[in-house]
Protein backbone atom coordinates (compact mmCIF):
# COMPACT_ATOMS: atom_id res chain seq x y z
CA MET A 1 2.70 23.78 3.20
CA SER A 2 1.78 26.90 4.82
CA LYS A 3 -1.82 26.33 3.07
CA PHE A 4 -2.84 23.23 4.68
CA THR A 5 -4.49 23.36 8.57
CA LYS A 6 -2.44 21.28 11.33
CA PRO A 7 -4.92 18.34 11.15
CA GLU A 8 -4.16 18.27 7.24
CA LYS A 9 -0.43 18.69 8.07
CA SER A 10 -0.60 16.01 10.87
CA TRP A 11 -2.62 13.53 8.47
CA MET A 12 -0.01 13.69 5.99
CA MET A 13 2.99 12.97 8.57
CA TYR A 14 1.44 9.62 8.79
CA ASP A 15 2.35 8.81 5.12
CA MET A 16 5.75 9.52 6.50
CA ALA A 17 5.28 6.94 8.79
CA ASN A 18 3.85 3.83 7.50
CA SER A 19 6.30 4.87 4.33
CA ALA A 20 9.11 3.57 6.17
CA TYR A 21 7.28 0.45 6.67
CA SER A 22 6.59 0.07 3.12
CA ILE A 23 10.05 1.03 2.11
CA ILE A 24 12.16 -1.09 4.59
CA ILE A 25 9.44 -4.16 5.45
CA THR A 26 7.49 -4.76 2.45
CA THR A 27 9.60 -3.89 -0.33
CA ALA A 28 13.73 -3.55 0.68
CA ILE A 29 15.09 -5.28 3.43
CA PHE A 30 12.69 -7.73 4.96
CA PRO A 31 12.42 -9.41 1.69
CA ILE A 32 16.23 -9.56 1.20
CA TYR A 33 16.67 -10.88 4.44
CA TYR A 34 13.67 -13.33 3.88
CA LYS A 35 15.48 -15.09 0.50
CA ALA A 36 18.65 -15.18 2.42
CA VAL A 37 17.04 -16.95 5.34
CA ALA A 38 15.07 -19.48 3.17
CA ASP A 39 18.49 -19.93 1.04
CA ASN A 40 20.37 -20.75 4.28
CA ALA A 41 17.15 -23.34 4.95
CA GLY A 42 17.72 -24.97 1.71
CA ILE A 43 14.97 -23.38 -0.16
CA ASN A 44 15.24 -22.87 -3.89
CA SER A 45 15.12 -19.48 -5.25
CA ALA A 46 11.69 -19.54 -7.18
CA ASP A 47 9.83 -21.50 -3.87
CA SER A 48 10.75 -18.93 -1.69
CA THR A 49 9.57 -16.04 -3.99
CA ALA A 50 6.05 -18.00 -4.13
CA TYR A 51 6.01 -18.66 -0.45
CA LEU A 52 6.34 -14.70 0.15
CA GLY A 53 3.69 -14.33 -2.29
CA TYR A 54 1.27 -16.77 -0.71
CA THR A 55 2.01 -15.05 2.45
CA ILE A 56 0.96 -11.54 1.48
CA SER A 57 -1.95 -13.08 -0.15
CA ILE A 58 -3.16 -14.73 3.23
CA SER A 59 -2.69 -11.60 4.86
CA THR A 60 -4.30 -9.38 2.71
CA PHE A 61 -7.37 -12.37 2.23
CA ILE A 62 -7.59 -11.99 6.04
CA LEU A 63 -8.02 -7.84 6.03
CA ALA A 64 -10.22 -8.17 3.21
CA LEU A 65 -13.03 -9.84 5.25
CA LEU A 66 -12.16 -7.86 8.57
CA GLY A 67 -11.97 -4.26 6.38
CA PRO A 68 -16.02 -3.89 5.93
CA ILE A 69 -17.10 -4.94 9.44
CA LEU A 70 -14.20 -2.77 11.12
CA GLY A 71 -15.21 0.24 8.79
CA SER A 72 -19.26 -0.10 9.58
CA LEU A 73 -18.40 -0.10 13.12
CA ALA A 74 -16.19 2.82 12.87
CA ASP A 75 -18.58 4.96 11.29
CA TYR A 76 -19.90 5.61 14.95
CA LYS A 77 -18.88 8.46 16.18
CA GLY A 78 -15.65 7.87 18.52
CA LEU A 79 -14.92 4.58 17.19
CA LYS A 80 -12.66 5.43 14.14
CA LYS A 81 -9.56 5.99 16.15
CA LYS A 82 -9.82 3.06 18.62
CA PHE A 83 -9.31 1.21 15.54
CA PHE A 84 -6.59 2.84 13.94
CA PHE A 85 -4.93 2.86 17.23
CA PHE A 86 -5.82 -0.88 17.55
CA PHE A 87 -4.15 -1.69 14.26
CA PHE A 88 -1.19 0.47 14.85
CA LEU A 89 -0.19 -1.03 17.98
CA LEU A 90 -0.06 -4.27 16.12
CA GLY A 91 2.14 -3.35 13.62
CA THR A 92 4.40 -1.25 15.15
CA ILE A 93 4.81 -4.57 17.73
CA SER A 94 5.01 -7.10 15.52
CA THR A 95 7.73 -4.95 13.90
CA VAL A 96 9.41 -5.29 16.58
CA GLY A 97 8.77 -9.02 17.06
CA LEU A 98 10.68 -9.51 13.91
CA LEU A 99 14.13 -9.06 15.47
CA PHE A 100 13.42 -12.14 17.96
CA VAL A 101 12.63 -14.72 15.35
CA PRO A 102 15.34 -17.27 15.34
CA ASN A 103 17.85 -16.87 12.18
CA GLU A 104 17.16 -20.11 10.49
CA ASN A 105 13.41 -20.40 11.02
CA TRP A 106 11.97 -18.95 7.88
CA LEU A 107 8.50 -19.99 8.21
CA LEU A 108 8.45 -18.04 12.04
CA LEU A 109 9.57 -15.18 10.05
CA LEU A 110 6.43 -15.09 7.28
CA ILE A 111 4.11 -15.78 10.43
CA VAL A 112 5.43 -12.50 12.26
CA TYR A 113 5.64 -10.67 8.72
CA THR A 114 1.92 -11.15 8.46
CA LEU A 115 0.92 -9.80 11.76
CA THR A 116 3.06 -6.73 10.71
CA SER A 117 1.37 -6.69 7.11
CA ILE A 118 -2.41 -6.88 9.14
CA GLY A 119 -1.46 -3.90 11.08
CA ALA A 120 0.21 -1.77 8.78
CA ARG A 121 -2.35 -2.34 6.23
CA GLY A 122 -5.25 -2.37 8.73
CA ALA A 123 -4.20 1.32 9.91
CA ASN A 124 -4.30 2.50 6.85
CA VAL A 125 -7.58 1.72 6.06
CA PHE A 126 -8.95 4.11 8.90
CA TYR A 127 -5.75 6.44 7.93
CA ASP A 128 -7.24 6.66 4.32
CA ALA A 129 -10.94 6.98 5.22
CA TYR A 130 -9.69 10.34 7.18
CA ILE A 131 -9.21 12.20 4.12
CA VAL A 132 -13.01 13.12 4.25
CA ASP A 133 -12.52 14.46 8.01
CA VAL A 134 -9.36 16.45 7.54
CA THR A 135 -9.97 18.40 4.32
CA GLU A 136 -13.06 19.53 1.84
CA LYS A 137 -13.70 17.42 -1.83
CA GLU A 138 -11.77 20.34 -3.53
CA LYS A 139 -8.62 19.67 -1.59
CA MET A 140 -8.48 16.03 -1.54
CA ASP A 141 -6.30 15.28 -4.76
CA ASP A 142 -3.54 17.72 -4.01
CA LEU A 143 -3.53 16.88 -0.10
CA SER A 144 -2.96 13.43 -0.84
CA ALA A 145 -0.82 13.38 -3.21
CA ARG A 146 1.11 15.92 -1.06
CA GLY A 147 0.49 13.00 1.92
CA TYR A 148 2.47 10.37 -0.49
CA ALA A 149 5.54 12.95 -1.52
CA VAL A 150 6.01 13.48 2.01
CA GLY A 151 5.99 9.83 2.66
CA TYR A 152 8.86 9.26 0.28
CA LEU A 153 10.78 11.97 0.91
CA GLY A 154 10.74 11.36 4.94
CA SER A 155 11.00 7.34 4.18
CA VAL A 156 14.32 8.05 2.50
CA ILE A 157 15.95 9.13 5.92
CA PRO A 158 15.45 5.64 8.10
CA PHE A 159 16.02 3.85 5.12
CA VAL A 160 19.49 5.44 4.37
CA ILE A 161 20.34 5.11 7.66
CA CYS A 162 19.78 1.20 7.87
CA ILE A 163 21.34 0.76 4.68
CA ALA A 164 24.63 2.24 5.61
CA ILE A 165 24.06 0.24 9.01
CA ILE A 166 23.86 -2.88 6.96
CA THR A 167 26.37 -1.94 4.42
CA LEU A 168 29.19 -1.02 7.21
CA SER A 169 28.67 -4.43 8.67
CA GLN A 170 29.38 -6.33 5.29
CA MET A 171 32.50 -4.27 4.94
CA GLU A 172 33.16 -5.17 8.59
CA ILE A 173 33.83 -1.33 9.49
CA ILE A 174 31.40 -1.90 12.27
CA SER A 175 30.98 -5.05 14.70
CA LEU A 176 27.89 -6.41 13.72
CA SER A 177 26.76 -9.66 11.31
CA VAL A 178 24.52 -8.86 8.43
CA THR A 179 21.54 -10.44 10.02
CA MET A 180 21.88 -8.49 13.24
CA ALA A 181 22.17 -5.12 11.32
CA SER A 182 18.67 -6.16 9.47
CA LYS A 183 17.42 -6.58 12.82
CA ILE A 184 18.33 -3.24 13.69
CA ALA A 185 16.84 -2.03 10.56
CA PHE A 186 13.24 -3.65 11.40
CA LEU A 187 13.69 -1.68 14.94
CA ILE A 188 14.54 1.37 13.69
CA THR A 189 11.76 1.09 11.26
CA ALA A 190 9.12 0.59 14.10
CA ILE A 191 10.73 3.86 16.25
CA TRP A 192 10.03 5.77 12.98
CA TRP A 193 6.85 4.47 12.40
CA ILE A 194 5.87 5.07 16.12
CA ALA A 195 7.24 8.85 16.39
CA PHE A 196 5.73 10.35 13.50
CA SER A 197 2.29 8.83 14.07
CA ILE A 198 2.33 11.35 17.09
CA PRO A 199 0.97 14.25 15.58
CA MET A 200 -1.90 11.73 13.71
CA LEU A 201 -3.18 10.72 17.29
CA LYS A 202 -3.25 13.94 18.66
CA ASN A 203 -4.66 16.28 15.84
CA VAL A 204 -6.82 14.36 13.98
CA LYS A 205 -10.51 14.00 14.90
CA GLN A 206 -13.45 11.96 13.37
CA LEU A 207 -15.83 15.02 12.39
CA TYR A 208 -18.57 12.52 10.05
CA GLY A 209 -20.16 9.58 11.63
CA ILE A 210 -23.40 8.26 13.44
CA GLU A 211 -24.41 8.56 16.60
CA ARG A 212 -24.10 5.53 18.81
CA GLU A 213 -26.92 3.07 19.36
CA PRO A 214 -27.64 -0.12 21.06
CA LYS A 215 -26.55 -2.91 20.23
CA VAL A 216 -23.79 -1.53 18.19
CA ILE A 217 -22.08 -4.64 16.87
CA VAL A 218 -25.77 -6.37 15.50
CA ASN A 219 -26.44 -2.92 14.20
CA SER A 220 -22.94 -2.17 12.02
CA PHE A 221 -23.90 -5.74 10.29
CA LYS A 222 -27.22 -5.00 9.36
CA ARG A 223 -26.21 -1.61 7.89
CA LEU A 224 -23.32 -3.39 6.20
CA GLY A 225 -25.49 -5.95 4.60
CA ARG A 226 -27.94 -3.12 3.50
CA THR A 227 -25.06 -1.18 2.03
CA PHE A 228 -23.84 -4.04 -0.12
CA LYS A 229 -26.93 -4.53 -1.36
CA GLU A 230 -27.66 -1.23 -2.12
CA ILE A 231 -23.75 -0.37 -3.59
CA ARG A 232 -25.07 -1.48 -7.07
CA LYS A 233 -27.26 2.49 -6.61
CA TYR A 234 -23.77 3.97 -6.64
CA ARG A 235 -23.37 4.06 -10.09
CA ALA A 236 -19.78 5.60 -10.32
CA VAL A 237 -18.74 3.76 -6.63
CA PHE A 238 -19.53 0.25 -7.82
CA LEU A 239 -17.68 0.88 -11.01
CA PHE A 240 -14.94 2.49 -9.96
CA LEU A 241 -14.08 -0.51 -7.38
CA LEU A 242 -14.63 -2.81 -10.00
CA ALA A 243 -11.81 -1.30 -12.07
CA TYR A 244 -9.68 -0.89 -8.66
CA PHE A 245 -10.03 -4.37 -8.13
CA PHE A 246 -7.63 -4.78 -11.05
CA TYR A 247 -5.29 -2.49 -11.34
CA ILE A 248 -4.32 -1.91 -7.76
CA ASP A 249 -3.86 -5.48 -7.75
CA GLY A 250 -0.85 -5.17 -10.25
CA VAL A 251 0.65 -2.11 -8.42
CA GLY A 252 -0.09 -3.76 -5.19
CA THR A 253 2.15 -7.19 -6.15
CA ILE A 254 5.05 -5.20 -8.04
CA ILE A 255 5.73 -3.19 -4.79
CA SER A 256 5.33 -6.26 -2.54
CA MET A 257 7.53 -8.13 -4.68
CA SER A 258 9.78 -6.45 -6.69
CA THR A 259 12.98 -7.20 -4.71
CA ALA A 260 12.30 -10.87 -4.84
CA TYR A 261 11.97 -10.72 -8.67
CA GLY A 262 15.44 -8.78 -8.78
CA THR A 263 16.89 -11.34 -6.62
CA ASP A 264 15.89 -13.97 -9.03
CA LEU A 265 17.27 -12.19 -11.76
CA GLY A 266 20.76 -12.45 -10.22
CA LEU A 267 20.89 -8.75 -9.35
CA SER A 268 22.64 -7.89 -6.07
CA ALA A 269 21.10 -6.37 -2.75
CA THR A 270 23.17 -3.31 -3.15
CA ASP A 271 21.97 -2.80 -6.56
CA LEU A 272 18.48 -3.52 -5.29
CA ILE A 273 18.59 -1.28 -2.11
CA ILE A 274 20.74 1.87 -4.12
CA ALA A 275 17.46 1.66 -7.20
CA LEU A 276 14.72 1.09 -4.75
CA LEU A 277 15.76 4.03 -2.56
CA ALA A 278 16.14 6.25 -5.86
CA VAL A 279 12.42 5.47 -6.11
CA GLN A 280 11.72 6.88 -2.84
CA ILE A 281 13.28 10.11 -4.43
CA VAL A 282 11.92 10.34 -8.01
CA ALA A 283 8.62 9.21 -6.89
CA ALA A 284 7.91 12.32 -4.53
CA PRO A 285 7.46 15.14 -6.91
CA PHE A 286 5.76 12.72 -9.56
CA ALA A 287 3.44 12.02 -6.70
CA ILE A 288 3.01 15.98 -6.64
CA LEU A 289 2.84 16.30 -10.35
CA PHE A 290 -0.01 13.19 -10.70
CA GLY A 291 -1.67 15.78 -7.68
CA LYS A 292 -1.16 18.92 -10.28
CA LEU A 293 -2.38 17.07 -13.62
CA ALA A 294 -5.20 16.18 -12.04
CA GLN A 295 -6.41 19.78 -11.12
CA LYS A 296 -5.48 20.65 -14.69
CA TYR A 297 -7.19 17.60 -16.88
CA GLY A 298 -9.22 15.53 -14.13
CA THR A 299 -8.48 12.83 -11.47
CA LYS A 300 -10.04 10.07 -13.77
CA LYS A 301 -7.56 10.99 -16.71
CA MET A 302 -4.25 10.87 -14.75
CA ILE A 303 -5.39 7.19 -12.79
CA LEU A 304 -5.58 5.71 -16.82
CA VAL A 305 -2.36 7.58 -17.51
CA GLY A 306 -0.60 5.35 -13.96
CA ILE A 307 -2.23 2.48 -15.68
CA ILE A 308 -0.66 2.80 -18.80
CA ILE A 309 2.78 3.36 -17.36
CA TYR A 310 2.66 0.05 -15.18
CA THR A 311 1.55 -1.69 -18.24
CA ILE A 312 4.56 -1.12 -20.06
CA VAL A 313 6.61 -1.84 -16.79
CA CYS A 314 5.30 -5.43 -17.24
CA ILE A 315 5.99 -5.70 -20.62
CA TYR A 316 9.38 -4.38 -19.76
CA ALA A 317 9.77 -6.78 -17.18
CA MET A 318 9.80 -9.72 -19.69
CA PHE A 319 13.30 -8.32 -21.44
CA LEU A 320 15.07 -7.32 -18.14
CA SER A 321 18.53 -8.66 -17.90
CA THR A 322 20.87 -6.24 -16.53
CA VAL A 323 21.41 -3.54 -13.80
CA ILE A 324 20.61 -0.74 -16.50
CA ASP A 325 17.48 -2.75 -17.14
CA PHE A 326 15.99 -2.89 -13.70
CA TRP A 327 16.99 1.06 -13.19
CA ILE A 328 14.90 2.17 -16.25
CA LEU A 329 11.99 -0.27 -14.88
CA ALA A 330 12.24 1.15 -11.18
CA MET A 331 12.50 5.18 -12.92
CA LEU A 332 8.94 3.92 -14.75
CA VAL A 333 7.79 2.62 -11.58
CA ALA A 334 8.66 5.77 -9.57
CA SER A 335 6.78 7.93 -12.25
CA ALA A 336 3.47 6.52 -11.40
CA GLN A 337 3.26 4.44 -7.69
CA GLY A 338 2.64 7.18 -5.91
CA GLY A 339 0.18 9.38 -8.17
CA ILE A 340 -1.80 6.67 -9.05
CA GLN A 341 -2.30 5.32 -5.12
CA ALA A 342 -2.84 8.82 -4.16
CA LEU A 343 -5.54 9.93 -6.45
CA SER A 344 -7.32 6.52 -6.43
CA ARG A 345 -7.41 7.04 -2.80
CA SER A 346 -8.91 11.16 -2.89
CA TYR A 347 -11.05 10.23 -6.02
CA PHE A 348 -12.55 7.50 -4.08
CA GLY A 349 -13.20 9.98 -1.18
CA LYS A 350 -14.76 12.48 -3.48
CA LEU A 351 -17.61 9.36 -4.48
CA VAL A 352 -18.45 8.41 -1.07
CA PRO A 353 -21.16 9.98 1.44
CA LYS A 354 -19.36 11.54 4.17
CA GLU A 355 -21.28 10.10 7.23
CA LYS A 356 -20.55 6.82 5.65
CA ASN A 357 -17.04 6.87 4.79
CA ASN A 358 -15.70 4.61 7.21
CA GLU A 359 -17.95 1.75 5.67
CA PHE A 360 -17.06 2.83 1.78
CA PHE A 361 -13.84 2.87 2.53
CA GLY A 362 -14.25 -0.84 4.19
CA PHE A 363 -15.53 -1.74 0.66
CA TYR A 364 -12.66 0.31 -0.45
CA ASN A 365 -10.12 -2.01 1.37
CA ILE A 366 -11.79 -5.29 0.64
CA PHE A 367 -11.49 -4.62 -3.45
CA GLY A 368 -8.07 -3.49 -2.89
CA ARG A 369 -7.09 -6.38 -0.46
CA PHE A 370 -8.77 -9.15 -2.21
CA ALA A 371 -7.18 -7.68 -5.09
CA ALA A 372 -3.97 -7.91 -3.33
CA VAL A 373 -4.41 -11.94 -2.71
CA THR A 374 -4.64 -12.74 -6.50
CA GLY A 375 -1.88 -10.54 -7.80
CA PRO A 376 0.82 -12.45 -5.58
CA PHE A 377 -0.65 -15.81 -6.07
CA LEU A 378 -1.01 -15.41 -9.79
CA VAL A 379 3.06 -14.16 -9.88
CA GLY A 380 3.41 -17.40 -7.48
CA VAL A 381 1.60 -19.97 -9.28
CA THR A 382 3.21 -18.36 -12.84
CA THR A 383 6.63 -18.49 -11.61
CA GLN A 384 6.58 -21.99 -10.12
CA PHE A 385 5.00 -23.57 -13.37
CA THR A 386 7.07 -21.50 -15.73
CA GLY A 387 10.53 -21.64 -13.70
CA SER A 388 10.52 -17.58 -14.88
CA SER A 389 10.16 -14.82 -12.62
CA ALA A 390 9.56 -12.49 -15.73
CA ILE A 391 6.33 -14.26 -16.99
CA GLY A 392 4.91 -14.27 -13.75
CA VAL A 393 5.37 -10.42 -13.80
CA PHE A 394 4.23 -10.21 -17.26
CA SER A 395 0.99 -12.14 -16.06
CA LEU A 396 -0.13 -9.00 -14.01
CA ALA A 397 -0.38 -7.10 -17.36
CA ILE A 398 -3.94 -8.30 -17.65
CA LEU A 399 -5.25 -7.00 -14.37
CA PHE A 400 -3.99 -3.44 -15.64
CA VAL A 401 -5.51 -3.57 -18.87
CA ILE A 402 -8.97 -4.70 -17.20
CA GLY A 403 -8.50 -2.13 -14.95
CA PHE A 404 -8.04 0.12 -17.43
CA ILE A 405 -11.11 -0.63 -19.49
CA ILE A 406 -13.66 -0.96 -16.76
CA LEU A 407 -12.39 2.66 -15.36
CA LEU A 408 -13.57 4.09 -19.01
CA PHE A 409 -17.19 3.77 -17.81
CA VAL A 410 -16.90 5.45 -14.30
CA PRO A 411 -19.26 8.20 -14.15
CA ASP A 412 -16.35 11.56 -14.08
CA VAL A 413 -17.67 13.10 -10.69
CA GLU A 414 -15.34 15.99 -11.22
CA ALA A 415 -17.58 16.67 -14.57
CA GLY A 416 -21.12 17.05 -12.91
CA GLY A 417 -21.83 13.66 -11.60
CA THR A 418 -22.95 13.38 -7.71
CA VAL A 419 -21.69 12.44 -4.65
CA ASP A 420 -23.97 11.21 -2.22
CA LYS A 421 -26.07 9.08 -4.51
CA MET A 422 -26.03 7.70 -8.11
CA GLU A 423 -28.50 6.56 -10.88
CA SER A 424 -28.68 3.17 -10.66
CA ALA A 425 -26.38 0.65 -12.47
C-alpha cells in the first residue's frame, strides 16, 4: 500500500465504508430479516422474493434516471463533492431509519430500503467517477481492484460483529430478540459507513471539470443532450456500455438476491451468513489477482473471464440442492465478483475524457442501473411464473452470454485505442 498516495488510499477507504452496506443490507442480514417479516405477515415465499426484486428494480430505475443529469451537473468544478455528500447522507440516515420501521410493516420496510439503496448507489456514481481525479490511467486497474479488496476484507469486521450479536440473541445468551439484534446490525452498518467515509470527504478532491457558467442547470441539460447524441462517436465507450448493460445486470441481481434465493431453497440463515462471510474473505485476494492478471493479459480479457464464471454460476444454480452446492456456488461467485466490478470501473475510466468524466460515469450509471431494473424483474417474473427460484436465476445466463458477445467487439484501448475520441460507430 506504500506505493499509493494519500488521496488514492482515502479513495480506497470508501470501498471499505460502503461494502459494509453492501454485505449487511443488500446481500445478507436485511434480506433475511425482510423475508422473516414478510412471512409473519402471511406473504408466501415466492411472492416476497418477487416483491424484493421489484423494489430493487424501482430504486435502480429512479437512480438510472437521475444519474446522467447529476453527472452532467457534477462536471462543474466544485460540485462533485456536494452531490456525493448528499447521497451519502441520504443513504446513512435512511439506514438508521430501518430501526424505526414497525416489525410487522413489510411494505414500509421496503420503502425505507429503497431510500437506503438510492443513497448508497447514488454516492457510488460520484465515488466511481473520482477514480480519474485520484490516479493515472496506468494505475487504475490496480487501484480499483485493491479498492474492492479493501472493501471486502474491511466489511468482514462489522459483518462478524453483527452476526455475533444475532447469534447470541438466538442462543439467548444476551437478552435481545432476533428482531432487535438485526436492527442493531443496521445501526452498526450506518456507523461504519460514516466512520470510513471521513478520509474520502477530507482528502479526495475534484481535479478535472469545467468552469462554472451562468444557468448551470439549463446548460447541463444542453451538454447532456449533446453528449447523448454524440455518444455513438465514441465507439469503444458505446460498445462497452452496451455490453456492460447486460453482464452487470446479472452480477448485480445475483448479489442482491442470493440470500432470498438460498432461503427459498430451505437453507438456514446460519448457513447463508457463514457462506456470505466466506465470500467476502475469498473475494478480496481474487479482486487483487484479477487486477494483476489484467496488467499482464489485458483488462478486457479478464472481464470476459469473469463473465464466463458467472454464466457457469447461473447454470449450476439449476442443480443446487444442498449446503455444499451453495458453498460451491458461493466460491465461484467470490472468484469473479470483485474482479469483474473493479475492472469494469477502471476500464471505463480509461475510455472516457477526464474533463467530462462525471457526465460519462453518469451514462455508466444509467446503463448499469437500467440493467439492474431488468435483472431482478426477470428473476421475479420467472420465479412467480414457474414457482422455481432456480429457474429464475438460470434465466440470467442469457444476459451474460449477450454481454460476452458484445464485449468481444469493444476496441481494446490498451492495444492502442485512443481515449478522448473514438472513430464513429
